Amino acid sequence: DTYSNVGFAGGRYAEVYAEGSGRTDLDLFVYDQNGNLICSDTDASDVV
């Protein structure tokens, strides 16, 4: 699932949290408008 144009304010701490139903492993990736990888969470759970 890809969510585009998610806006965050400069200078303010930004948070993205996903919580699944417990059935599978979910991974989370965040990219900026220039395509740079900002942060990722790839542990073996569906809480990222």
ModelCIF file with pLDDT and N, C-alpha, C, O atoms, coordinates in Angstrom:
data_MODEL
#
_entry.id   MODEL 
#
_entity.id                         1 
_entity.type                       polymer 
_entity.pdbx_number_of_molecules   1 
#
_entity_poly.entity_id                      1 
_entity_poly.type                           'polypeptide(L)' 
_entity_poly.nstd_linkage                   no 
_entity_poly.nstd_monomer                   no 
_entity_poly.pdbx_seq_one_letter_code       DTYSNVGFAGGRYAEVYAEGSGRTDLDLFVYDQNGNLICSDTDASDVV 
_entity_poly.pdbx_seq_one_letter_code_can   DTYSNVGFAGGRYAEVYAEGSGRTDLDLFVYDQNGNLICSDTDASDVV 
_entity_poly.pdbx_strand_id                 A 
#
loop_
_entity_poly_seq.entity_id 
_entity_poly_seq.num 
_entity_poly_seq.mon_id 
_entity_poly_seq.hetero 
1 1  ASP n 
1 2  THR n 
1 3  TYR n 
1 4  SER n 
1 5  ASN n 
1 6  VAL n 
1 7  GLY n 
1 8  PHE n 
1 9  ALA n 
1 10 GLY n 
1 11 GLY n 
1 12 ARG n 
1 13 TYR n 
1 14 ALA n 
1 15 GLU n 
1 16 VAL n 
1 17 TYR n 
1 18 ALA n 
1 19 GLU n 
1 20 GLY n 
1 21 SER n 
1 22 GLY n 
1 23 ARG n 
1 24 THR n 
1 25 ASP n 
1 26 LEU n 
1 27 ASP n 
1 28 LEU n 
1 29 PHE n 
1 30 VAL n 
1 31 TYR n 
1 32 ASP n 
1 33 GLN n 
1 34 ASN n 
1 35 GLY n 
1 36 ASN n 
1 37 LEU n 
1 38 ILE n 
1 39 CYS n 
1 40 SER n 
1 41 ASP n 
1 42 THR n 
1 43 ASP n 
1 44 ALA n 
1 45 SER n 
1 46 ASP n 
1 47 VAL n 
1 48 VAL n 
#
_struct_asym.id          A 
_struct_asym.entity_id   1 
#
loop_
_ma_qa_metric.id 
_ma_qa_metric.mode 
_ma_qa_metric.name 
_ma_qa_metric.software_group_id 
_ma_qa_metric.type 
1 global pLDDT . pLDDT 
2 local  pLDDT . pLDDT 
#
_ma_qa_metric_global.metric_id      1 
_ma_qa_metric_global.metric_value   94.48 
_ma_qa_metric_global.model_id       1 
_ma_qa_metric_global.ordinal_id     1 
#
loop_
_ma_qa_metric_local.label_asym_id 
_ma_qa_metric_local.label_comp_id 
_ma_qa_metric_local.label_seq_id 
_ma_qa_metric_local.metric_id 
_ma_qa_metric_local.metric_value 
_ma_qa_metric_local.model_id 
_ma_qa_metric_local.ordinal_id 
A ASP 1  2 97.00 1 1  
A THR 2  2 98.00 1 2  
A TYR 3  2 97.00 1 3  
A SER 4  2 96.00 1 4  
A ASN 5  2 94.00 1 5  
A VAL 6  2 95.00 1 6  
A GLY 7  2 94.00 1 7  
A PHE 8  2 94.00 1 8  
A ALA 9  2 93.00 1 9  
A GLY 10 2 93.00 1 10 
A GLY 11 2 92.00 1 11 
A ARG 12 2 91.00 1 12 
A TYR 13 2 90.00 1 13 
A ALA 14 2 92.00 1 14 
A GLU 15 2 91.00 1 15 
A VAL 16 2 93.00 1 16 
A TYR 17 2 93.00 1 17 
A ALA 18 2 95.00 1 18 
A GLU 19 2 94.00 1 19 
A GLY 20 2 94.00 1 20 
A SER 21 2 90.00 1 21 
A GLY 22 2 89.00 1 22 
A ARG 23 2 89.00 1 23 
A THR 24 2 95.00 1 24 
A ASP 25 2 96.00 1 25 
A LEU 26 2 97.00 1 26 
A ASP 27 2 98.00 1 27 
A LEU 28 2 98.00 1 28 
A PHE 29 2 98.00 1 29 
A VAL 30 2 98.00 1 30 
A TYR 31 2 98.00 1 31 
A ASP 32 2 97.00 1 32 
A GLN 33 2 95.00 1 33 
A ASN 34 2 95.00 1 34 
A GLY 35 2 96.00 1 35 
A ASN 36 2 97.00 1 36 
A LEU 37 2 97.00 1 37 
A ILE 38 2 96.00 1 38 
A CYS 39 2 94.00 1 39 
A SER 40 2 96.00 1 40 
A ASP 41 2 95.00 1 41 
A THR 42 2 95.00 1 42 
A ASP 43 2 93.00 1 43 
A ALA 44 2 93.00 1 44 
A SER 45 2 93.00 1 45 
A ASP 46 2 94.00 1 46 
A VAL 47 2 93.00 1 47 
A VAL 48 2 94.00 1 48 
#
loop_
_atom_site.group_PDB 
_atom_site.id 
_atom_site.type_symbol 
_atom_site.label_atom_id 
_atom_site.label_alt_id 
_atom_site.label_comp_id 
_atom_site.label_asym_id 
_atom_site.label_entity_id 
_atom_site.label_seq_id 
_atom_site.pdbx_PDB_ins_code 
_atom_site.Cartn_x 
_atom_site.Cartn_y 
_atom_site.Cartn_z 
_atom_site.occupancy 
_atom_site.B_iso_or_equiv 
_atom_site.pdbx_formal_charge 
_atom_site.auth_seq_id 
_atom_site.auth_comp_id 
_atom_site.auth_asym_id 
_atom_site.auth_atom_id 
_atom_site.pdbx_PDB_model_num 
ATOM 1   N N  . ASP A 1 1  ? 0.852  -1.183  0.000  1.00 97.00 ? 1  ASP A N  1 
ATOM 2   C CA . ASP A 1 1  ? 0.000  0.000   0.000  1.00 97.00 ? 1  ASP A CA 1 
ATOM 3   C C  . ASP A 1 1  ? 0.889  1.234   0.000  1.00 97.00 ? 1  ASP A C  1 
ATOM 4   O O  . ASP A 1 1  ? 1.770  1.373   0.849  1.00 97.00 ? 1  ASP A O  1 
ATOM 5   N N  . THR A 1 2  ? 0.655  2.135   -0.959 1.00 98.00 ? 2  THR A N  1 
ATOM 6   C CA . THR A 1 2  ? 1.458  3.348   -1.075 1.00 98.00 ? 2  THR A CA 1 
ATOM 7   C C  . THR A 1 2  ? 0.586  4.573   -0.864 1.00 98.00 ? 2  THR A C  1 
ATOM 8   O O  . THR A 1 2  ? -0.406 4.770   -1.567 1.00 98.00 ? 2  THR A O  1 
ATOM 9   N N  . TYR A 1 3  ? 0.960  5.391   0.105  1.00 97.00 ? 3  TYR A N  1 
ATOM 10  C CA . TYR A 1 3  ? 0.269  6.648   0.391  1.00 97.00 ? 3  TYR A CA 1 
ATOM 11  C C  . TYR A 1 3  ? 1.168  7.791   -0.076 1.00 97.00 ? 3  TYR A C  1 
ATOM 12  O O  . TYR A 1 3  ? 2.272  7.975   0.436  1.00 97.00 ? 3  TYR A O  1 
ATOM 13  N N  . SER A 1 4  ? 0.683  8.551   -1.050 1.00 96.00 ? 4  SER A N  1 
ATOM 14  C CA . SER A 1 4  ? 1.466  9.662   -1.588 1.00 96.00 ? 4  SER A CA 1 
ATOM 15  C C  . SER A 1 4  ? 1.006  10.986  -0.983 1.00 96.00 ? 4  SER A C  1 
ATOM 16  O O  . SER A 1 4  ? -0.116 11.106  -0.491 1.00 96.00 ? 4  SER A O  1 
ATOM 17  N N  . ASN A 1 5  ? 1.892  11.969  -1.031 1.00 94.00 ? 5  ASN A N  1 
ATOM 18  C CA . ASN A 1 5  ? 1.575  13.338  -0.597 1.00 94.00 ? 5  ASN A CA 1 
ATOM 19  C C  . ASN A 1 5  ? 1.074  13.400  0.850  1.00 94.00 ? 5  ASN A C  1 
ATOM 20  O O  . ASN A 1 5  ? 0.093  14.083  1.146  1.00 94.00 ? 5  ASN A O  1 
ATOM 21  N N  . VAL A 1 6  ? 1.745  12.694  1.730  1.00 95.00 ? 6  VAL A N  1 
ATOM 22  C CA . VAL A 1 6  ? 1.451  12.799  3.155  1.00 95.00 ? 6  VAL A CA 1 
ATOM 23  C C  . VAL A 1 6  ? 2.286  13.955  3.708  1.00 95.00 ? 6  VAL A C  1 
ATOM 24  O O  . VAL A 1 6  ? 3.514  13.871  3.745  1.00 95.00 ? 6  VAL A O  1 
ATOM 25  N N  . GLY A 1 7  ? 1.634  15.021  4.132  1.00 94.00 ? 7  GLY A N  1 
ATOM 26  C CA . GLY A 1 7  ? 2.346  16.227  4.502  1.00 94.00 ? 7  GLY A CA 1 
ATOM 27  C C  . GLY A 1 7  ? 2.769  16.284  5.960  1.00 94.00 ? 7  GLY A C  1 
ATOM 28  O O  . GLY A 1 7  ? 2.023  15.887  6.855  1.00 94.00 ? 7  GLY A O  1 
ATOM 29  N N  . PHE A 1 8  ? 3.989  16.789  6.186  1.00 94.00 ? 8  PHE A N  1 
ATOM 30  C CA . PHE A 1 8  ? 4.486  17.037  7.537  1.00 94.00 ? 8  PHE A CA 1 
ATOM 31  C C  . PHE A 1 8  ? 5.171  18.394  7.566  1.00 94.00 ? 8  PHE A C  1 
ATOM 32  O O  . PHE A 1 8  ? 5.760  18.826  6.575  1.00 94.00 ? 8  PHE A O  1 
ATOM 33  N N  . ALA A 1 9  ? 5.087  19.061  8.711  1.00 93.00 ? 9  ALA A N  1 
ATOM 34  C CA . ALA A 1 9  ? 5.636  20.403  8.859  1.00 93.00 ? 9  ALA A CA 1 
ATOM 35  C C  . ALA A 1 9  ? 7.123  20.361  9.196  1.00 93.00 ? 9  ALA A C  1 
ATOM 36  O O  . ALA A 1 9  ? 7.569  19.519  9.976  1.00 93.00 ? 9  ALA A O  1 
ATOM 37  N N  . GLY A 1 10 ? 7.879  21.268  8.607  1.00 93.00 ? 10 GLY A N  1 
ATOM 38  C CA . GLY A 1 10 ? 9.293  21.378  8.902  1.00 93.00 ? 10 GLY A CA 1 
ATOM 39  C C  . GLY A 1 10 ? 9.538  21.812  10.344 1.00 93.00 ? 10 GLY A C  1 
ATOM 40  O O  . GLY A 1 10 ? 8.839  22.677  10.874 1.00 93.00 ? 10 GLY A O  1 
ATOM 41  N N  . GLY A 1 11 ? 10.546 21.196  10.972 1.00 92.00 ? 11 GLY A N  1 
ATOM 42  C CA . GLY A 1 11 ? 10.902 21.559  12.324 1.00 92.00 ? 11 GLY A CA 1 
ATOM 43  C C  . GLY A 1 11 ? 10.055 20.914  13.399 1.00 92.00 ? 11 GLY A C  1 
ATOM 44  O O  . GLY A 1 11 ? 10.325 21.096  14.586 1.00 92.00 ? 11 GLY A O  1 
ATOM 45  N N  . ARG A 1 12 ? 9.037  20.166  13.011 1.00 91.00 ? 12 ARG A N  1 
ATOM 46  C CA . ARG A 1 12 ? 8.161  19.512  13.987 1.00 91.00 ? 12 ARG A CA 1 
ATOM 47  C C  . ARG A 1 12 ? 8.316  17.993  13.854 1.00 91.00 ? 12 ARG A C  1 
ATOM 48  O O  . ARG A 1 12 ? 8.317  17.453  12.747 1.00 91.00 ? 12 ARG A O  1 
ATOM 49  N N  . TYR A 1 13 ? 8.447  17.322  14.988 1.00 90.00 ? 13 TYR A N  1 
ATOM 50  C CA . TYR A 1 13 ? 8.658  15.881  14.949 1.00 90.00 ? 13 TYR A CA 1 
ATOM 51  C C  . TYR A 1 13 ? 7.481  15.177  14.278 1.00 90.00 ? 13 TYR A C  1 
ATOM 52  O O  . TYR A 1 13 ? 6.331  15.373  14.669 1.00 90.00 ? 13 TYR A O  1 
ATOM 53  N N  . ALA A 1 14 ? 7.768  14.360  13.270 1.00 92.00 ? 14 ALA A N  1 
ATOM 54  C CA . ALA A 1 14 ? 6.750  13.647  12.498 1.00 92.00 ? 14 ALA A CA 1 
ATOM 55  C C  . ALA A 1 14 ? 6.745  12.180  12.897 1.00 92.00 ? 14 ALA A C  1 
ATOM 56  O O  . ALA A 1 14 ? 7.797  11.588  13.138 1.00 92.00 ? 14 ALA A O  1 
ATOM 57  N N  . GLU A 1 15 ? 5.547  11.595  12.966 1.00 91.00 ? 15 GLU A N  1 
ATOM 58  C CA . GLU A 1 15 ? 5.410  10.193  13.346 1.00 91.00 ? 15 GLU A CA 1 
ATOM 59  C C  . GLU A 1 15 ? 4.476  9.463   12.385 1.00 91.00 ? 15 GLU A C  1 
ATOM 60  O O  . GLU A 1 15 ? 3.428  9.978   11.997 1.00 91.00 ? 15 GLU A O  1 
ATOM 61  N N  . VAL A 1 16 ? 4.879  8.266   12.018 1.00 93.00 ? 16 VAL A N  1 
ATOM 62  C CA . VAL A 1 16 ? 4.040  7.349   11.237 1.00 93.00 ? 16 VAL A CA 1 
ATOM 63  C C  . VAL A 1 16 ? 4.035  6.017   11.977 1.00 93.00 ? 16 VAL A C  1 
ATOM 64  O O  . VAL A 1 16 ? 5.089  5.453   12.270 1.00 93.00 ? 16 VAL A O  1 
ATOM 65  N N  . TYR A 1 17 ? 2.845  5.526   12.272 1.00 93.00 ? 17 TYR A N  1 
ATOM 66  C CA . TYR A 1 17 ? 2.706  4.293   13.048 1.00 93.00 ? 17 TYR A CA 1 
ATOM 67  C C  . TYR A 1 17 ? 1.649  3.423   12.364 1.00 93.00 ? 17 TYR A C  1 
ATOM 68  O O  . TYR A 1 17 ? 0.560  3.898   12.042 1.00 93.00 ? 17 TYR A O  1 
ATOM 69  N N  . ALA A 1 18 ? 1.972  2.163   12.148 1.00 95.00 ? 18 ALA A N  1 
ATOM 70  C CA . ALA A 1 18 ? 1.005  1.231   11.583 1.00 95.00 ? 18 ALA A CA 1 
ATOM 71  C C  . ALA A 1 18 ? 0.884  0.021   12.503 1.00 95.00 ? 18 ALA A C  1 
ATOM 72  O O  . ALA A 1 18 ? 1.879  -0.500  13.007 1.00 95.00 ? 18 ALA A O  1 
ATOM 73  N N  . GLU A 1 19 ? -0.344 -0.410  12.707 1.00 94.00 ? 19 GLU A N  1 
ATOM 74  C CA . GLU A 1 19 ? -0.621 -1.535  13.600 1.00 94.00 ? 19 GLU A CA 1 
ATOM 75  C C  . GLU A 1 19 ? -1.570 -2.488  12.901 1.00 94.00 ? 19 GLU A C  1 
ATOM 76  O O  . GLU A 1 19 ? -2.710 -2.134  12.600 1.00 94.00 ? 19 GLU A O  1 
ATOM 77  N N  . GLY A 1 20 ? -1.094 -3.703  12.643 1.00 94.00 ? 20 GLY A N  1 
ATOM 78  C CA . GLY A 1 20 ? -1.898 -4.681  11.932 1.00 94.00 ? 20 GLY A CA 1 
ATOM 79  C C  . GLY A 1 20 ? -2.737 -5.541  12.856 1.00 94.00 ? 20 GLY A C  1 
ATOM 80  O O  . GLY A 1 20 ? -2.809 -5.305  14.062 1.00 94.00 ? 20 GLY A O  1 
ATOM 81  N N  . SER A 1 21 ? -3.369 -6.543  12.267 1.00 90.00 ? 21 SER A N  1 
ATOM 82  C CA . SER A 1 21 ? -4.272 -7.428  13.006 1.00 90.00 ? 21 SER A CA 1 
ATOM 83  C C  . SER A 1 21 ? -3.560 -8.618  13.617 1.00 90.00 ? 21 SER A C  1 
ATOM 84  O O  . SER A 1 21 ? -4.186 -9.432  14.296 1.00 90.00 ? 21 SER A O  1 
ATOM 85  N N  . GLY A 1 22 ? -2.243 -8.734  13.383 1.00 89.00 ? 22 GLY A N  1 
ATOM 86  C CA . GLY A 1 22 ? -1.482 -9.826  13.964 1.00 89.00 ? 22 GLY A CA 1 
ATOM 87  C C  . GLY A 1 22 ? -1.326 -11.028 13.056 1.00 89.00 ? 22 GLY A C  1 
ATOM 88  O O  . GLY A 1 22 ? -0.785 -12.050 13.476 1.00 89.00 ? 22 GLY A O  1 
ATOM 89  N N  . ARG A 1 23 ? -1.786 -10.927 11.830 1.00 89.00 ? 23 ARG A N  1 
ATOM 90  C CA . ARG A 1 23 ? -1.776 -12.104 10.952 1.00 89.00 ? 23 ARG A CA 1 
ATOM 91  C C  . ARG A 1 23 ? -0.454 -12.286 10.216 1.00 89.00 ? 23 ARG A C  1 
ATOM 92  O O  . ARG A 1 23 ? -0.050 -13.419 9.954  1.00 89.00 ? 23 ARG A O  1 
ATOM 93  N N  . THR A 1 24 ? 0.231  -11.185 9.877  1.00 95.00 ? 24 THR A N  1 
ATOM 94  C CA . THR A 1 24 ? 1.451  -11.280 9.070  1.00 95.00 ? 24 THR A CA 1 
ATOM 95  C C  . THR A 1 24 ? 2.451  -10.219 9.507  1.00 95.00 ? 24 THR A C  1 
ATOM 96  O O  . THR A 1 24 ? 2.154  -9.362  10.340 1.00 95.00 ? 24 THR A O  1 
ATOM 97  N N  . ASP A 1 25 ? 3.626  -10.298 8.931  1.00 96.00 ? 25 ASP A N  1 
ATOM 98  C CA . ASP A 1 25 ? 4.673  -9.293  9.144  1.00 96.00 ? 25 ASP A CA 1 
ATOM 99  C C  . ASP A 1 25 ? 4.434  -8.112  8.209  1.00 96.00 ? 25 ASP A C  1 
ATOM 100 O O  . ASP A 1 25 ? 4.282  -8.295  7.001  1.00 96.00 ? 25 ASP A O  1 
ATOM 101 N N  . LEU A 1 26 ? 4.400  -6.891  8.769  1.00 97.00 ? 26 LEU A N  1 
ATOM 102 C CA . LEU A 1 26 ? 4.303  -5.670  7.969  1.00 97.00 ? 26 LEU A CA 1 
ATOM 103 C C  . LEU A 1 26 ? 5.601  -4.885  8.082  1.00 97.00 ? 26 LEU A C  1 
ATOM 104 O O  . LEU A 1 26 ? 6.209  -4.831  9.151  1.00 97.00 ? 26 LEU A O  1 
ATOM 105 N N  . ASP A 1 27 ? 6.019  -4.285  6.994  1.00 98.00 ? 27 ASP A N  1 
ATOM 106 C CA . ASP A 1 27 ? 7.180  -3.397  6.983  1.00 98.00 ? 27 ASP A CA 1 
ATOM 107 C C  . ASP A 1 27 ? 6.738  -1.998  6.583  1.00 98.00 ? 27 ASP A C  1 
ATOM 108 O O  . ASP A 1 27 ? 5.763  -1.827  5.852  1.00 98.00 ? 27 ASP A O  1 
ATOM 109 N N  . LEU A 1 28 ? 7.460  -1.009  7.067  1.00 98.00 ? 28 LEU A N  1 
ATOM 110 C CA . LEU A 1 28 ? 7.105  0.397   6.834  1.00 98.00 ? 28 LEU A CA 1 
ATOM 111 C C  . LEU A 1 28 ? 8.307  1.135   6.249  1.00 98.00 ? 28 LEU A C  1 
ATOM 112 O O  . LEU A 1 28 ? 9.433  0.996   6.728  1.00 98.00 ? 28 LEU A O  1 
ATOM 113 N N  . PHE A 1 29 ? 8.045  1.928   5.196  1.00 98.00 ? 29 PHE A N  1 
ATOM 114 C CA . PHE A 1 29 ? 9.071  2.753   4.573  1.00 98.00 ? 29 PHE A CA 1 
ATOM 115 C C  . PHE A 1 29 ? 8.518  4.150   4.340  1.00 98.00 ? 29 PHE A C  1 
ATOM 116 O O  . PHE A 1 29 ? 7.371  4.302   3.920  1.00 98.00 ? 29 PHE A O  1 
ATOM 117 N N  . VAL A 1 30 ? 9.327  5.173   4.608  1.00 98.00 ? 30 VAL A N  1 
ATOM 118 C CA . VAL A 1 30 ? 8.933  6.561   4.385  1.00 98.00 ? 30 VAL A CA 1 
ATOM 119 C C  . VAL A 1 30 ? 9.981  7.223   3.493  1.00 98.00 ? 30 VAL A C  1 
ATOM 120 O O  . VAL A 1 30 ? 11.179 7.141   3.766  1.00 98.00 ? 30 VAL A O  1 
ATOM 121 N N  . TYR A 1 31 ? 9.520  7.885   2.417  1.00 98.00 ? 31 TYR A N  1 
ATOM 122 C CA . TYR A 1 31 ? 10.400 8.580   1.482  1.00 98.00 ? 31 TYR A CA 1 
ATOM 123 C C  . TYR A 1 31 ? 10.008 10.056  1.409  1.00 98.00 ? 31 TYR A C  1 
ATOM 124 O O  . TYR A 1 31 ? 8.837  10.402  1.564  1.00 98.00 ? 31 TYR A O  1 
ATOM 125 N N  . ASP A 1 32 ? 11.007 10.933  1.169  1.00 97.00 ? 32 ASP A N  1 
ATOM 126 C CA . ASP A 1 32 ? 10.671 12.344  1.006  1.00 97.00 ? 32 ASP A CA 1 
ATOM 127 C C  . ASP A 1 32 ? 10.324 12.636  -0.445 1.00 97.00 ? 32 ASP A C  1 
ATOM 128 O O  . ASP A 1 32 ? 10.322 11.731  -1.279 1.00 97.00 ? 32 ASP A O  1 
ATOM 129 N N  . GLN A 1 33 ? 10.026 13.909  -0.754 1.00 95.00 ? 33 GLN A N  1 
ATOM 130 C CA . GLN A 1 33 ? 9.579  14.281  -2.092 1.00 95.00 ? 33 GLN A CA 1 
ATOM 131 C C  . GLN A 1 33 ? 10.667 14.112  -3.137 1.00 95.00 ? 33 GLN A C  1 
ATOM 132 O O  . GLN A 1 33 ? 10.384 14.106  -4.335 1.00 95.00 ? 33 GLN A O  1 
ATOM 133 N N  . ASN A 1 34 ? 11.920 13.974  -2.690 1.00 95.00 ? 34 ASN A N  1 
ATOM 134 C CA . ASN A 1 34 ? 13.030 13.768  -3.611 1.00 95.00 ? 34 ASN A CA 1 
ATOM 135 C C  . ASN A 1 34 ? 13.387 12.296  -3.776 1.00 95.00 ? 34 ASN A C  1 
ATOM 136 O O  . ASN A 1 34 ? 14.369 11.954  -4.434 1.00 95.00 ? 34 ASN A O  1 
ATOM 137 N N  . GLY A 1 35 ? 12.576 11.426  -3.169 1.00 96.00 ? 35 GLY A N  1 
ATOM 138 C CA . GLY A 1 35 ? 12.794 9.997   -3.303 1.00 96.00 ? 35 GLY A CA 1 
ATOM 139 C C  . GLY A 1 35 ? 13.794 9.405   -2.332 1.00 96.00 ? 35 GLY A C  1 
ATOM 140 O O  . GLY A 1 35 ? 14.158 8.235   -2.456 1.00 96.00 ? 35 GLY A O  1 
ATOM 141 N N  . ASN A 1 36 ? 14.247 10.196  -1.363 1.00 97.00 ? 36 ASN A N  1 
ATOM 142 C CA . ASN A 1 36 ? 15.202 9.690   -0.376 1.00 97.00 ? 36 ASN A CA 1 
ATOM 143 C C  . ASN A 1 36 ? 14.483 8.877   0.699  1.00 97.00 ? 36 ASN A C  1 
ATOM 144 O O  . ASN A 1 36 ? 13.412 9.264   1.168  1.00 97.00 ? 36 ASN A O  1 
ATOM 145 N N  . LEU A 1 37 ? 15.070 7.767   1.078  1.00 97.00 ? 37 LEU A N  1 
ATOM 146 C CA . LEU A 1 37 ? 14.527 6.976   2.175  1.00 97.00 ? 37 LEU A CA 1 
ATOM 147 C C  . LEU A 1 37 ? 14.779 7.715   3.489  1.00 97.00 ? 37 LEU A C  1 
ATOM 148 O O  . LEU A 1 37 ? 15.928 7.966   3.853  1.00 97.00 ? 37 LEU A O  1 
ATOM 149 N N  . ILE A 1 38 ? 13.719 8.057   4.188  1.00 96.00 ? 38 ILE A N  1 
ATOM 150 C CA . ILE A 1 38 ? 13.809 8.810   5.432  1.00 96.00 ? 38 ILE A CA 1 
ATOM 151 C C  . ILE A 1 38 ? 13.915 7.882   6.633  1.00 96.00 ? 38 ILE A C  1 
ATOM 152 O O  . ILE A 1 38 ? 14.701 8.122   7.550  1.00 96.00 ? 38 ILE A O  1 
ATOM 153 N N  . CYS A 1 39 ? 13.123 6.830   6.619  1.00 94.00 ? 39 CYS A N  1 
ATOM 154 C CA . CYS A 1 39 ? 13.069 5.938   7.779  1.00 94.00 ? 39 CYS A CA 1 
ATOM 155 C C  . CYS A 1 39 ? 12.409 4.638   7.348  1.00 94.00 ? 39 CYS A C  1 
ATOM 156 O O  . CYS A 1 39 ? 11.600 4.629   6.420  1.00 94.00 ? 39 CYS A O  1 
ATOM 157 N N  . SER A 1 40 ? 12.749 3.544   8.013  1.00 96.00 ? 40 SER A N  1 
ATOM 158 C CA . SER A 1 40 ? 12.096 2.267   7.748  1.00 96.00 ? 40 SER A CA 1 
ATOM 159 C C  . SER A 1 40 ? 12.041 1.451   9.023  1.00 96.00 ? 40 SER A C  1 
ATOM 160 O O  . SER A 1 40 ? 12.857 1.622   9.929  1.00 96.00 ? 40 SER A O  1 
ATOM 161 N N  . ASP A 1 41 ? 11.062 0.561   9.076  1.00 95.00 ? 41 ASP A N  1 
ATOM 162 C CA . ASP A 1 41 ? 10.942 -0.381  10.191 1.00 95.00 ? 41 ASP A CA 1 
ATOM 163 C C  . ASP A 1 41 ? 10.615 -1.730  9.579  1.00 95.00 ? 41 ASP A C  1 
ATOM 164 O O  . ASP A 1 41 ? 9.538  -1.923  9.014  1.00 95.00 ? 41 ASP A O  1 
ATOM 165 N N  . THR A 1 42 ? 11.549 -2.662  9.694  1.00 95.00 ? 42 THR A N  1 
ATOM 166 C CA . THR A 1 42 ? 11.404 -3.956  9.011  1.00 95.00 ? 42 THR A CA 1 
ATOM 167 C C  . THR A 1 42 ? 11.537 -5.127  9.982  1.00 95.00 ? 42 THR A C  1 
ATOM 168 O O  . THR A 1 42 ? 12.001 -6.201  9.602  1.00 95.00 ? 42 THR A O  1 
ATOM 169 N N  . ASP A 1 43 ? 11.130 -4.920  11.232 1.00 93.00 ? 43 ASP A N  1 
ATOM 170 C CA . ASP A 1 43 ? 11.219 -6.034  12.169 1.00 93.00 ? 43 ASP A CA 1 
ATOM 171 C C  . ASP A 1 43 ? 10.135 -7.068  11.856 1.00 93.00 ? 43 ASP A C  1 
ATOM 172 O O  . ASP A 1 43 ? 9.270  -6.835  11.013 1.00 93.00 ? 43 ASP A O  1 
ATOM 173 N N  . ALA A 1 44 ? 10.191 -8.196  12.534 1.00 93.00 ? 44 ALA A N  1 
ATOM 174 C CA . ALA A 1 44 ? 9.301  -9.321  12.227 1.00 93.00 ? 44 ALA A CA 1 
ATOM 175 C C  . ALA A 1 44 ? 7.991  -9.226  12.998 1.00 93.00 ? 44 ALA A C  1 
ATOM 176 O O  . ALA A 1 44 ? 7.634  -10.137 13.746 1.00 93.00 ? 44 ALA A O  1 
ATOM 177 N N  . SER A 1 45 ? 7.273  -8.112  12.811 1.00 93.00 ? 45 SER A N  1 
ATOM 178 C CA . SER A 1 45 ? 5.972  -7.944  13.454 1.00 93.00 ? 45 SER A CA 1 
ATOM 179 C C  . SER A 1 45 ? 5.095  -7.092  12.546 1.00 93.00 ? 45 SER A C  1 
ATOM 180 O O  . SER A 1 45 ? 5.543  -6.641  11.492 1.00 93.00 ? 45 SER A O  1 
ATOM 181 N N  . ASP A 1 46 ? 3.849  -6.870  12.949 1.00 94.00 ? 46 ASP A N  1 
ATOM 182 C CA . ASP A 1 46 ? 2.996  -5.976  12.174 1.00 94.00 ? 46 ASP A CA 1 
ATOM 183 C C  . ASP A 1 46 ? 2.688  -4.705  12.963 1.00 94.00 ? 46 ASP A C  1 
ATOM 184 O O  . ASP A 1 46 ? 1.663  -4.059  12.750 1.00 94.00 ? 46 ASP A O  1 
ATOM 185 N N  . VAL A 1 47 ? 3.600  -4.358  13.883 1.00 93.00 ? 47 VAL A N  1 
ATOM 186 C CA . VAL A 1 47 ? 3.562  -3.067  14.572 1.00 93.00 ? 47 VAL A CA 1 
ATOM 187 C C  . VAL A 1 47 ? 4.833  -2.333  14.173 1.00 93.00 ? 47 VAL A C  1 
ATOM 188 O O  . VAL A 1 47 ? 5.929  -2.709  14.587 1.00 93.00 ? 47 VAL A O  1 
ATOM 189 N N  . VAL A 1 48 ? 4.685  -1.273  13.359 1.00 94.00 ? 48 VAL A N  1 
ATOM 190 C CA . VAL A 1 48 ? 5.850  -0.601  12.773 1.00 94.00 ? 48 VAL A CA 1 
ATOM 191 C C  . VAL A 1 48 ? 5.749  0.902   12.999 1.00 94.00 ? 48 VAL A C  1 
ATOM 192 O O  . VAL A 1 48 ? 6.633  1.651   12.582 1.00 94.00 ? 48 VAL A O  1 
#
